Amino acid sequence: MKTLAPSDLPNLPREALTLVADGVYSMYEISSGEPRYVLIASRRTEAYLLSSRGDFLAPVGSIAEIQIGTPIVVIGVHGGVRVSAD
């Protein structure tokens, strides 16, 4: 598992960072020569290739085509403790 802060992905929208931090979206490092990531949304039906700075590069046609690597955890998005009322 690799930990990133919002400053590591400055071009990824805050909303996407929050969804990754909350576990709604998942993000993985992929091997492509330089650090790149894939963001997987909506029950694994949508995926987007991201640059190392969080720029959206392209939608991914099929998740099966990608060699998914290390899972990414985003920390420091909420700026404090979150309390769930569940």
N, C-alpha and C. Protein backbone atom coordinates (compact mmCIF):
# COMPACT_ATOMS: atom_id res chain seq x y z
N MET A 1 0.84 -1.16 0.00
CA MET A 1 0.00 0.00 0.00
C MET A 1 0.90 1.24 0.00
N LYS A 2 0.51 2.22 -0.80
CA LYS A 2 1.25 3.46 -0.89
C LYS A 2 0.36 4.59 -0.39
N THR A 3 0.91 5.48 0.43
CA THR A 3 0.16 6.59 0.99
C THR A 3 0.53 7.88 0.27
N LEU A 4 -0.49 8.61 -0.16
CA LEU A 4 -0.29 9.91 -0.80
C LEU A 4 -1.11 10.97 -0.08
N ALA A 5 -0.63 12.20 -0.14
CA ALA A 5 -1.35 13.35 0.39
C ALA A 5 -1.91 14.14 -0.79
N PRO A 6 -2.88 15.00 -0.57
CA PRO A 6 -3.41 15.82 -1.66
C PRO A 6 -2.33 16.59 -2.41
N SER A 7 -1.28 16.99 -1.73
CA SER A 7 -0.20 17.73 -2.39
C SER A 7 0.58 16.86 -3.39
N ASP A 8 0.49 15.53 -3.25
CA ASP A 8 1.14 14.63 -4.19
C ASP A 8 0.37 14.52 -5.51
N LEU A 9 -0.91 14.87 -5.47
CA LEU A 9 -1.79 14.81 -6.65
C LEU A 9 -2.48 16.16 -6.82
N PRO A 10 -1.71 17.23 -7.05
CA PRO A 10 -2.29 18.58 -7.03
C PRO A 10 -3.33 18.84 -8.11
N ASN A 11 -3.35 18.06 -9.17
CA ASN A 11 -4.29 18.32 -10.27
C ASN A 11 -5.54 17.44 -10.22
N LEU A 12 -5.62 16.57 -9.22
CA LEU A 12 -6.81 15.74 -9.06
C LEU A 12 -7.83 16.55 -8.26
N PRO A 13 -9.07 16.66 -8.76
CA PRO A 13 -10.08 17.44 -8.04
C PRO A 13 -10.27 16.97 -6.60
N ARG A 14 -10.52 17.91 -5.73
CA ARG A 14 -10.71 17.62 -4.30
C ARG A 14 -11.80 16.58 -4.07
N GLU A 15 -12.87 16.65 -4.87
CA GLU A 15 -13.97 15.70 -4.72
C GLU A 15 -13.48 14.27 -4.97
N ALA A 16 -12.64 14.08 -5.98
CA ALA A 16 -12.11 12.75 -6.28
C ALA A 16 -11.19 12.29 -5.15
N LEU A 17 -10.36 13.18 -4.63
CA LEU A 17 -9.49 12.83 -3.51
C LEU A 17 -10.31 12.39 -2.30
N THR A 18 -11.39 13.10 -2.04
CA THR A 18 -12.25 12.77 -0.91
C THR A 18 -12.89 11.40 -1.10
N LEU A 19 -13.34 11.09 -2.31
CA LEU A 19 -13.96 9.80 -2.57
C LEU A 19 -12.95 8.66 -2.45
N VAL A 20 -11.71 8.90 -2.83
CA VAL A 20 -10.66 7.88 -2.64
C VAL A 20 -10.37 7.72 -1.15
N ALA A 21 -10.24 8.83 -0.44
CA ALA A 21 -9.95 8.77 1.01
C ALA A 21 -11.07 8.06 1.77
N ASP A 22 -12.31 8.22 1.30
CA ASP A 22 -13.46 7.60 1.97
C ASP A 22 -13.69 6.16 1.53
N GLY A 23 -12.93 5.70 0.54
CA GLY A 23 -13.08 4.33 0.08
C GLY A 23 -14.20 4.11 -0.93
N VAL A 24 -14.80 5.19 -1.41
CA VAL A 24 -15.85 5.07 -2.43
C VAL A 24 -15.22 4.76 -3.78
N TYR A 25 -14.15 5.47 -4.12
CA TYR A 25 -13.35 5.19 -5.31
C TYR A 25 -12.09 4.47 -4.86
N SER A 26 -11.50 3.72 -5.75
CA SER A 26 -10.21 3.12 -5.43
C SER A 26 -9.17 3.60 -6.43
N MET A 27 -7.94 3.64 -5.99
CA MET A 27 -6.84 4.10 -6.82
C MET A 27 -5.68 3.14 -6.67
N TYR A 28 -5.00 2.89 -7.79
CA TYR A 28 -3.86 1.97 -7.79
C TYR A 28 -2.74 2.56 -8.62
N GLU A 29 -1.53 2.23 -8.24
CA GLU A 29 -0.38 2.57 -9.05
C GLU A 29 -0.33 1.54 -10.19
N ILE A 30 0.06 1.98 -11.36
CA ILE A 30 0.23 1.05 -12.47
C ILE A 30 1.64 1.17 -13.00
N SER A 31 2.13 0.12 -13.58
CA SER A 31 3.50 0.15 -14.11
C SER A 31 3.44 0.57 -15.58
N SER A 32 4.08 1.69 -15.86
CA SER A 32 4.11 2.20 -17.24
C SER A 32 5.40 2.98 -17.49
N GLY A 33 6.44 2.69 -16.75
CA GLY A 33 7.70 3.42 -16.90
C GLY A 33 7.82 4.55 -15.91
N GLU A 34 6.86 5.45 -15.90
CA GLU A 34 6.85 6.55 -14.94
C GLU A 34 5.66 6.34 -14.01
N PRO A 35 5.69 6.96 -12.84
CA PRO A 35 4.56 6.76 -11.92
C PRO A 35 3.26 7.25 -12.55
N ARG A 36 2.31 6.36 -12.61
CA ARG A 36 0.96 6.70 -13.07
C ARG A 36 -0.02 5.93 -12.21
N TYR A 37 -1.25 6.40 -12.24
CA TYR A 37 -2.27 5.80 -11.40
C TYR A 37 -3.51 5.53 -12.22
N VAL A 38 -4.34 4.63 -11.73
CA VAL A 38 -5.65 4.41 -12.30
C VAL A 38 -6.66 4.62 -11.17
N LEU A 39 -7.69 5.40 -11.48
CA LEU A 39 -8.76 5.69 -10.53
C LEU A 39 -9.96 4.87 -10.97
N ILE A 40 -10.47 4.04 -10.08
CA ILE A 40 -11.60 3.18 -10.41
C ILE A 40 -12.81 3.67 -9.64
N ALA A 41 -13.87 3.96 -10.38
CA ALA A 41 -15.08 4.52 -9.79
C ALA A 41 -16.27 3.62 -10.10
N SER A 42 -17.37 3.88 -9.45
CA SER A 42 -18.66 3.25 -9.73
C SER A 42 -18.64 1.74 -9.87
N ARG A 43 -18.35 1.09 -8.82
CA ARG A 43 -18.42 -0.38 -8.78
C ARG A 43 -17.59 -1.04 -9.88
N ARG A 44 -16.43 -0.49 -10.13
CA ARG A 44 -15.46 -1.06 -11.07
C ARG A 44 -15.92 -1.02 -12.52
N THR A 45 -16.87 -0.15 -12.85
CA THR A 45 -17.29 -0.05 -14.24
C THR A 45 -16.68 1.14 -14.95
N GLU A 46 -16.16 2.08 -14.22
CA GLU A 46 -15.49 3.25 -14.80
C GLU A 46 -14.07 3.32 -14.25
N ALA A 47 -13.12 3.59 -15.14
CA ALA A 47 -11.74 3.74 -14.71
C ALA A 47 -11.07 4.82 -15.56
N TYR A 48 -10.16 5.55 -14.95
CA TYR A 48 -9.49 6.65 -15.61
C TYR A 48 -7.99 6.58 -15.36
N LEU A 49 -7.22 6.77 -16.39
CA LEU A 49 -5.76 6.82 -16.28
C LEU A 49 -5.38 8.22 -15.82
N LEU A 50 -4.54 8.29 -14.80
CA LEU A 50 -4.10 9.57 -14.24
C LEU A 50 -2.59 9.70 -14.37
N SER A 51 -2.13 10.93 -14.51
CA SER A 51 -0.69 11.19 -14.47
C SER A 51 -0.20 11.13 -13.03
N SER A 52 1.08 11.25 -12.84
CA SER A 52 1.65 11.22 -11.49
C SER A 52 1.24 12.43 -10.66
N ARG A 53 0.70 13.48 -11.31
CA ARG A 53 0.24 14.67 -10.60
C ARG A 53 -1.27 14.73 -10.47
N GLY A 54 -1.96 13.67 -10.99
CA GLY A 54 -3.40 13.61 -10.85
C GLY A 54 -4.18 14.16 -12.04
N ASP A 55 -3.50 14.43 -13.16
CA ASP A 55 -4.20 14.88 -14.36
C ASP A 55 -4.95 13.70 -14.96
N PHE A 56 -6.18 13.93 -15.43
CA PHE A 56 -6.91 12.89 -16.14
C PHE A 56 -6.31 12.78 -17.53
N LEU A 57 -5.80 11.59 -17.88
CA LEU A 57 -5.19 11.38 -19.18
C LEU A 57 -6.16 10.75 -20.17
N ALA A 58 -6.91 9.75 -19.73
CA ALA A 58 -7.84 9.07 -20.62
C ALA A 58 -8.72 8.12 -19.83
N PRO A 59 -9.93 7.88 -20.34
CA PRO A 59 -10.72 6.81 -19.74
C PRO A 59 -10.11 5.46 -20.13
N VAL A 60 -10.30 4.48 -19.28
CA VAL A 60 -9.79 3.14 -19.54
C VAL A 60 -10.94 2.31 -20.10
N GLY A 61 -10.70 1.70 -21.25
CA GLY A 61 -11.75 0.92 -21.88
C GLY A 61 -12.15 -0.30 -21.07
N SER A 62 -11.18 -1.03 -20.58
CA SER A 62 -11.45 -2.23 -19.80
C SER A 62 -10.42 -2.34 -18.68
N ILE A 63 -10.91 -2.51 -17.49
CA ILE A 63 -10.00 -2.64 -16.34
C ILE A 63 -9.12 -3.87 -16.50
N ALA A 64 -9.63 -4.88 -17.19
CA ALA A 64 -8.86 -6.11 -17.39
C ALA A 64 -7.60 -5.86 -18.22
N GLU A 65 -7.56 -4.76 -18.99
CA GLU A 65 -6.40 -4.44 -19.82
C GLU A 65 -5.25 -3.82 -19.04
N ILE A 66 -5.50 -3.43 -17.81
CA ILE A 66 -4.51 -2.72 -17.00
C ILE A 66 -3.88 -3.67 -16.01
N GLN A 67 -2.58 -3.57 -15.86
CA GLN A 67 -1.90 -4.34 -14.83
C GLN A 67 -1.90 -3.49 -13.56
N ILE A 68 -2.89 -3.74 -12.72
CA ILE A 68 -3.07 -2.96 -11.50
C ILE A 68 -2.00 -3.36 -10.50
N GLY A 69 -1.38 -2.35 -9.89
CA GLY A 69 -0.31 -2.59 -8.93
C GLY A 69 -0.71 -2.23 -7.52
N THR A 70 0.13 -1.48 -6.89
CA THR A 70 0.00 -1.11 -5.49
C THR A 70 -1.24 -0.25 -5.23
N PRO A 71 -2.05 -0.62 -4.23
CA PRO A 71 -3.19 0.23 -3.86
C PRO A 71 -2.70 1.55 -3.26
N ILE A 72 -3.46 2.61 -3.52
CA ILE A 72 -3.13 3.94 -3.03
C ILE A 72 -4.13 4.33 -1.94
N VAL A 73 -3.61 4.87 -0.85
CA VAL A 73 -4.43 5.43 0.22
C VAL A 73 -4.15 6.93 0.25
N VAL A 74 -5.20 7.73 0.26
CA VAL A 74 -5.04 9.19 0.32
C VAL A 74 -5.33 9.63 1.75
N ILE A 75 -4.37 10.36 2.33
CA ILE A 75 -4.53 10.85 3.70
C ILE A 75 -4.52 12.37 3.71
N GLY A 76 -5.02 12.95 4.78
CA GLY A 76 -4.95 14.39 4.96
C GLY A 76 -5.97 15.18 4.17
N VAL A 77 -7.00 14.52 3.68
CA VAL A 77 -8.03 15.22 2.89
C VAL A 77 -9.00 15.95 3.80
N HIS A 78 -9.36 15.32 4.90
CA HIS A 78 -10.42 15.86 5.76
C HIS A 78 -9.91 16.83 6.80
N GLY A 79 -8.62 16.90 7.03
CA GLY A 79 -8.06 17.87 7.95
C GLY A 79 -8.39 17.63 9.41
N GLY A 80 -8.77 16.46 9.77
CA GLY A 80 -9.10 16.18 11.16
C GLY A 80 -9.82 14.87 11.29
N VAL A 81 -10.37 14.66 12.45
CA VAL A 81 -11.10 13.43 12.72
C VAL A 81 -12.49 13.54 12.15
N ARG A 82 -12.96 12.47 11.51
CA ARG A 82 -14.32 12.41 11.01
C ARG A 82 -15.12 11.49 11.90
N VAL A 83 -16.31 11.89 12.20
CA VAL A 83 -17.18 11.07 13.04
C VAL A 83 -18.37 10.64 12.20
N SER A 84 -18.64 9.35 12.21
CA SER A 84 -19.79 8.81 11.49
C SER A 84 -20.96 8.67 12.45
N ALA A 85 -22.12 9.06 12.00
CA ALA A 85 -23.31 8.96 12.84
C ALA A 85 -24.07 7.66 12.62
N ASP A 86 -23.46 6.72 11.92
CA ASP A 86 -24.11 5.43 11.64
C ASP A 86 -24.30 4.63 12.90
